[in-house]
PDB file of N, CA and C in Angstrom:
ATOM      1  N   MET A   1      12.790  26.574  -4.831  1.00  0.00           N
ATOM      2  CA  MET A   1      12.285  26.109  -3.537  1.00  0.00           C
ATOM      3  C   MET A   1      12.930  25.267  -2.769  1.00  0.00           C
ATOM      4  N   ARG A   2      13.057  25.649  -1.665  1.00  0.00           N
ATOM      5  CA  ARG A   2      13.864  24.738  -0.726  1.00  0.00           C
ATOM      6  C   ARG A   2      13.200  23.973   0.325  1.00  0.00           C
ATOM      7  N   LEU A   3      13.324  22.740   0.514  1.00  0.00           N
ATOM      8  CA  LEU A   3      12.667  21.734   1.216  1.00  0.00           C
ATOM      9  C   LEU A   3      13.285  21.603   2.611  1.00  0.00           C
ATOM     10  N   HIS A   4      12.590  21.668   3.675  1.00  0.00           N
ATOM     11  CA  HIS A   4      13.179  21.424   4.937  1.00  0.00           C
ATOM     12  C   HIS A   4      12.911  19.997   5.620  1.00  0.00           C
ATOM     13  N   ARG A   5      13.957  19.589   5.961  1.00  0.00           N
ATOM     14  CA  ARG A   5      13.823  18.260   6.832  1.00  0.00           C
ATOM     15  C   ARG A   5      13.322  18.248   7.871  1.00  0.00           C
ATOM     16  N   CYS A   6      12.194  17.447   8.297  1.00  0.00           N
ATOM     17  CA  CYS A   6      11.470  17.391   9.351  1.00  0.00           C
ATOM     18  C   CYS A   6      11.708  15.929  10.068  1.00  0.00           C
ATOM     19  N   PRO A   7      12.035  15.972  11.623  1.00  0.00           N
ATOM     20  CA  PRO A   7      12.037  14.602  11.827  1.00  0.00           C
ATOM     21  C   PRO A   7      10.636  14.007  11.809  1.00  0.00           C
ATOM     22  N   ILE A   8      10.944  12.756  11.278  1.00  0.00           N
ATOM     23  CA  ILE A   8       9.621  11.760  11.239  1.00  0.00           C
ATOM     24  C   ILE A   8       9.728  10.700  12.315  1.00  0.00           C
ATOM     25  N   SER A   9       8.667  10.705  13.192  1.00  0.00           N
ATOM     26  CA  SER A   9       8.637   9.524  13.895  1.00  0.00           C
ATOM     27  C   SER A   9       7.446   8.717  13.788  1.00  0.00           C
ATOM     28  N   ILE A  10       7.644   7.187  14.152  1.00  0.00           N
ATOM     29  CA  ILE A  10       6.614   6.272  13.470  1.00  0.00           C
ATOM     30  C   ILE A  10       6.115   5.710  14.964  1.00  0.00           C
ATOM     31  N   ARG A  11       4.790   5.615  15.062  1.00  0.00           N
ATOM     32  CA  ARG A  11       4.219   5.183  16.485  1.00  0.00           C
ATOM     33  C   ARG A  11       3.891   3.735  16.337  1.00  0.00           C
ATOM     34  N   ARG A  12       4.283   2.977  17.430  1.00  0.00           N
ATOM     35  CA  ARG A  12       3.535   1.682  17.241  1.00  0.00           C
ATOM     36  C   ARG A  12       3.025   1.462  18.661  1.00  0.00           C
ATOM     37  N   VAL A  13       1.766   0.746  18.695  1.00  0.00           N
ATOM     38  CA  VAL A  13       1.218   0.276  19.951  1.00  0.00           C
ATOM     39  C   VAL A  13       1.361  -1.075  20.135  1.00  0.00           C
ATOM     40  N   VAL A  14       1.851  -1.800  21.355  1.00  0.00           N
ATOM     41  CA  VAL A  14       1.963  -3.169  21.685  1.00  0.00           C
ATOM     42  C   VAL A  14       1.353  -3.428  22.859  1.00  0.00           C
ATOM     43  N   GLY A  15       0.144  -3.932  22.972  1.00  0.00           N
ATOM     44  CA  GLY A  15      -0.578  -4.109  24.215  1.00  0.00           C
ATOM     45  C   GLY A  15      -0.898  -2.752  24.823  1.00  0.00           C
ATOM     46  N   SER A  16      -0.474  -2.433  26.006  1.00  0.00           N
ATOM     47  CA  SER A  16      -0.798  -1.153  26.543  1.00  0.00           C
ATOM     48  C   SER A  16       0.572  -0.120  26.361  1.00  0.00           C
ATOM     49  N   LYS A  17       1.384  -0.623  25.885  1.00  0.00           N
ATOM     50  CA  LYS A  17       2.558   0.141  25.476  1.00  0.00           C
ATOM     51  C   LYS A  17       2.585   1.026  24.168  1.00  0.00           C
ATOM     52  N   THR A  18       3.223   2.168  24.136  1.00  0.00           N
ATOM     53  CA  THR A  18       3.359   2.978  22.972  1.00  0.00           C
ATOM     54  C   THR A  18       4.790   3.293  22.773  1.00  0.00           C
ATOM     55  N   PHE A  19       5.233   3.134  21.775  1.00  0.00           N
ATOM     56  CA  PHE A  19       6.633   3.409  21.115  1.00  0.00           C
ATOM     57  C   PHE A  19       6.905   4.226  20.034  1.00  0.00           C
ATOM     58  N   TYR A  20       7.772   4.954  19.957  1.00  0.00           N
ATOM     59  CA  TYR A  20       8.177   5.858  18.838  1.00  0.00           C
ATOM     60  C   TYR A  20       9.504   5.532  18.494  1.00  0.00           C
ATOM     61  N   LEU A  21       9.706   5.543  16.991  1.00  0.00           N
ATOM     62  CA  LEU A  21      11.021   5.405  16.410  1.00  0.00           C
ATOM     63  C   LEU A  21      11.474   6.677  16.035  1.00  0.00           C
ATOM     64  N   ARG A  22      12.649   7.079  16.655  1.00  0.00           N
ATOM     65  CA  ARG A  22      13.334   8.093  16.546  1.00  0.00           C
ATOM     66  C   ARG A  22      14.750   7.729  16.332  1.00  0.00           C
ATOM     67  N   ASP A  23      15.457   8.323  15.136  1.00  0.00           N
ATOM     68  CA  ASP A  23      16.959   8.174  14.901  1.00  0.00           C
ATOM     69  C   ASP A  23      17.166   6.654  15.071  1.00  0.00           C
ATOM     70  N   GLY A  24      16.364   5.733  14.667  1.00  0.00           N
ATOM     71  CA  GLY A  24      16.555   4.310  14.707  1.00  0.00           C
ATOM     72  C   GLY A  24      16.429   3.521  15.817  1.00  0.00           C
ATOM     73  N   ILE A  25      15.864   4.323  16.727  1.00  0.00           N
ATOM     74  CA  ILE A  25      15.711   3.647  17.973  1.00  0.00           C
ATOM     75  C   ILE A  25      14.168   3.740  18.637  1.00  0.00           C
ATOM     76  N   TRP A  26      13.708   2.410  19.091  1.00  0.00           N
ATOM     77  CA  TRP A  26      12.359   2.442  19.345  1.00  0.00           C
ATOM     78  C   TRP A  26      12.318   2.971  20.873  1.00  0.00           C
ATOM     79  N   LYS A  27      11.591   3.725  21.316  1.00  0.00           N
ATOM     80  CA  LYS A  27      11.670   4.262  22.592  1.00  0.00           C
ATOM     81  C   LYS A  27      10.209   4.189  23.087  1.00  0.00           C
ATOM     82  N   ASP A  28      10.188   3.822  24.430  1.00  0.00           N
ATOM     83  CA  ASP A  28       8.811   3.617  25.181  1.00  0.00           C
ATOM     84  C   ASP A  28       8.401   5.060  25.840  1.00  0.00           C
ATOM     85  N   VAL A  29       7.151   5.432  25.310  1.00  0.00           N
ATOM     86  CA  VAL A  29       6.891   6.761  25.866  1.00  0.00           C
ATOM     87  C   VAL A  29       6.711   6.767  27.239  1.00  0.00           C
ATOM     88  N   GLY A  30       6.449   5.692  27.922  1.00  0.00           N
ATOM     89  CA  GLY A  30       6.296   5.499  29.503  1.00  0.00           C
ATOM     90  C   GLY A  30       7.617   5.720  30.247  1.00  0.00           C
ATOM     91  N   TYR A  31       8.934   5.664  29.398  1.00  0.00           N
ATOM     92  CA  TYR A  31      10.264   5.328  29.972  1.00  0.00           C
ATOM     93  C   TYR A  31      10.696   6.911  30.398  1.00  0.00           C
ATOM     94  N   PRO A  32      10.973   7.306  31.608  1.00  0.00           N
ATOM     95  CA  PRO A  32      11.444   8.620  31.731  1.00  0.00           C
ATOM     96  C   PRO A  32      12.874   8.978  31.188  1.00  0.00           C
ATOM     97  N   VAL A  33      12.836  10.254  30.657  1.00  0.00           N
ATOM     98  CA  VAL A  33      14.054  10.395  29.418  1.00  0.00           C
ATOM     99  C   VAL A  33      15.306  10.548  30.163  1.00  0.00           C
ATOM    100  N   ASP A  34      15.067  10.897  31.457  1.00  0.00           N
ATOM    101  CA  ASP A  34      16.426  11.137  32.026  1.00  0.00           C
ATOM    102  C   ASP A  34      17.074  10.157  32.739  1.00  0.00           C
ATOM    103  N   ASP A  35      16.416   8.787  32.819  1.00  0.00           N
ATOM    104  CA  ASP A  35      16.737   7.624  33.362  1.00  0.00           C
ATOM    105  C   ASP A  35      17.913   6.962  32.522  1.00  0.00           C
ATOM    106  N   MET A  36      18.977   6.280  33.213  1.00  0.00           N
ATOM    107  CA  MET A  36      20.065   5.862  32.471  1.00  0.00           C
ATOM    108  C   MET A  36      19.779   4.575  31.874  1.00  0.00           C
ATOM    109  N   THR A  37      20.506   4.391  30.772  1.00  0.00           N
ATOM    110  CA  THR A  37      20.322   3.067  29.909  1.00  0.00           C
ATOM    111  C   THR A  37      21.547   2.596  29.632  1.00  0.00           C
ATOM    112  N   LEU A  38      21.554   1.191  29.487  1.00  0.00           N
ATOM    113  CA  LEU A  38      22.930   0.407  29.299  1.00  0.00           C
ATOM    114  C   LEU A  38      22.849  -0.066  27.641  1.00  0.00           C
ATOM    115  N   ASP A  39      23.895  -0.218  27.143  1.00  0.00           N
ATOM    116  CA  ASP A  39      24.052  -0.842  25.751  1.00  0.00           C
ATOM    117  C   ASP A  39      24.733  -2.066  25.804  1.00  0.00           C
ATOM    118  N   TYR A  40      24.105  -2.810  25.037  1.00  0.00           N
ATOM    119  CA  TYR A  40      24.678  -4.254  25.217  1.00  0.00           C
ATOM    120  C   TYR A  40      24.907  -4.685  23.755  1.00  0.00           C
ATOM    121  N   LYS A  41      26.236  -5.044  23.248  1.00  0.00           N
ATOM    122  CA  LYS A  41      26.508  -5.595  21.795  1.00  0.00           C
ATOM    123  C   LYS A  41      25.817  -6.917  21.796  1.00  0.00           C
ATOM    124  N   PHE A  42      25.197  -6.920  20.729  1.00  0.00           N
ATOM    125  CA  PHE A  42      24.443  -8.453  20.587  1.00  0.00           C
ATOM    126  C   PHE A  42      25.633  -9.478  20.460  1.00  0.00           C
ATOM    127  N   GLY A  43      25.607 -10.599  20.838  1.00  0.00           N
ATOM    128  CA  GLY A  43      26.535 -11.835  21.078  1.00  0.00           C
ATOM    129  C   GLY A  43      27.587 -11.478  21.819  1.00  0.00           C
ATOM    130  N   SER A  44      27.801 -10.499  22.494  1.00  0.00           N
ATOM    131  CA  SER A  44      28.837 -10.307  23.552  1.00  0.00           C
ATOM    132  C   SER A  44      28.730 -11.168  24.779  1.00  0.00           C
ATOM    133  N   GLU A  45      29.763 -11.244  25.617  1.00  0.00           N
ATOM    134  CA  GLU A  45      29.626 -12.021  26.716  1.00  0.00           C
ATOM    135  C   GLU A  45      28.645 -11.371  27.657  1.00  0.00           C
ATOM    136  N   ARG A  46      28.896 -10.083  27.695  1.00  0.00           N
ATOM    137  CA  ARG A  46      27.948  -9.352  28.769  1.00  0.00           C
ATOM    138  C   ARG A  46      26.592  -9.586  28.108  1.00  0.00           C
ATOM    139  N   TYR A  47      26.313  -9.406  26.879  1.00  0.00           N
ATOM    140  CA  TYR A  47      24.778  -9.823  26.468  1.00  0.00           C
ATOM    141  C   TYR A  47      24.407 -11.067  26.896  1.00  0.00           C
ATOM    142  N   PHE A  48      25.164 -12.124  26.873  1.00  0.00           N
ATOM    143  CA  PHE A  48      24.572 -13.510  27.247  1.00  0.00           C
ATOM    144  C   PHE A  48      24.510 -13.625  28.708  1.00  0.00           C
ATOM    145  N   ARG A  49      25.192 -12.963  29.635  1.00  0.00           N
ATOM    146  CA  ARG A  49      25.169 -12.796  30.991  1.00  0.00           C
ATOM    147  C   ARG A  49      23.726 -12.288  31.090  1.00  0.00           C
ATOM    148  N   LEU A  50      23.443 -11.080  30.472  1.00  0.00           N
ATOM    149  CA  LEU A  50      22.162 -10.350  30.670  1.00  0.00           C
ATOM    150  C   LEU A  50      21.067 -11.571  30.346  1.00  0.00           C
ATOM    151  N   VAL A  51      21.121 -12.230  29.454  1.00  0.00           N
ATOM    152  CA  VAL A  51      20.053 -13.156  28.955  1.00  0.00           C
ATOM    153  C   VAL A  51      19.836 -14.351  29.766  1.00  0.00           C
ATOM    154  N   ALA A  52      20.993 -14.810  30.403  1.00  0.00           N
ATOM    155  CA  ALA A  52      20.801 -16.003  31.264  1.00  0.00           C
ATOM    156  C   ALA A  52      20.286 -15.596  32.517  1.00  0.00           C
ATOM    157  N   ASN A  53      20.677 -14.431  33.069  1.00  0.00           N
ATOM    158  CA  ASN A  53      19.881 -13.721  34.192  1.00  0.00           C
ATOM    159  C   ASN A  53      18.456 -13.650  34.188  1.00  0.00           C
ATOM    160  N   TYR A  54      18.058 -12.987  32.955  1.00  0.00           N
ATOM    161  CA  TYR A  54      16.749 -12.756  32.581  1.00  0.00           C
ATOM    162  C   TYR A  54      15.973 -13.905  32.612  1.00  0.00           C
ATOM    163  N   LEU A  55      16.452 -15.301  32.035  1.00  0.00           N
ATOM    164  CA  LEU A  55      15.843 -16.488  32.042  1.00  0.00           C
ATOM    165  C   LEU A  55      15.656 -17.193  33.267  1.00  0.00           C
ATOM    166  N   LYS A  56      16.328 -16.851  34.321  1.00  0.00           N
ATOM    167  CA  LYS A  56      16.259 -17.727  35.452  1.00  0.00           C
ATOM    168  C   LYS A  56      14.988 -17.519  36.013  1.00  0.00           C
TER     169      LYS A  56
END
């Protein structure tokens, strides 16, 4: 008997938003798939600039 792996996603609802966990990343179902995203390494200078601008 051979078992097949199926991608499992976990769904979470926060307020009016719905998120799915896929490949270790939480994704907002309302976010367009083809839109660009940026990665920020936690603790980096770039990360802290982002946080500082957000808190203004």
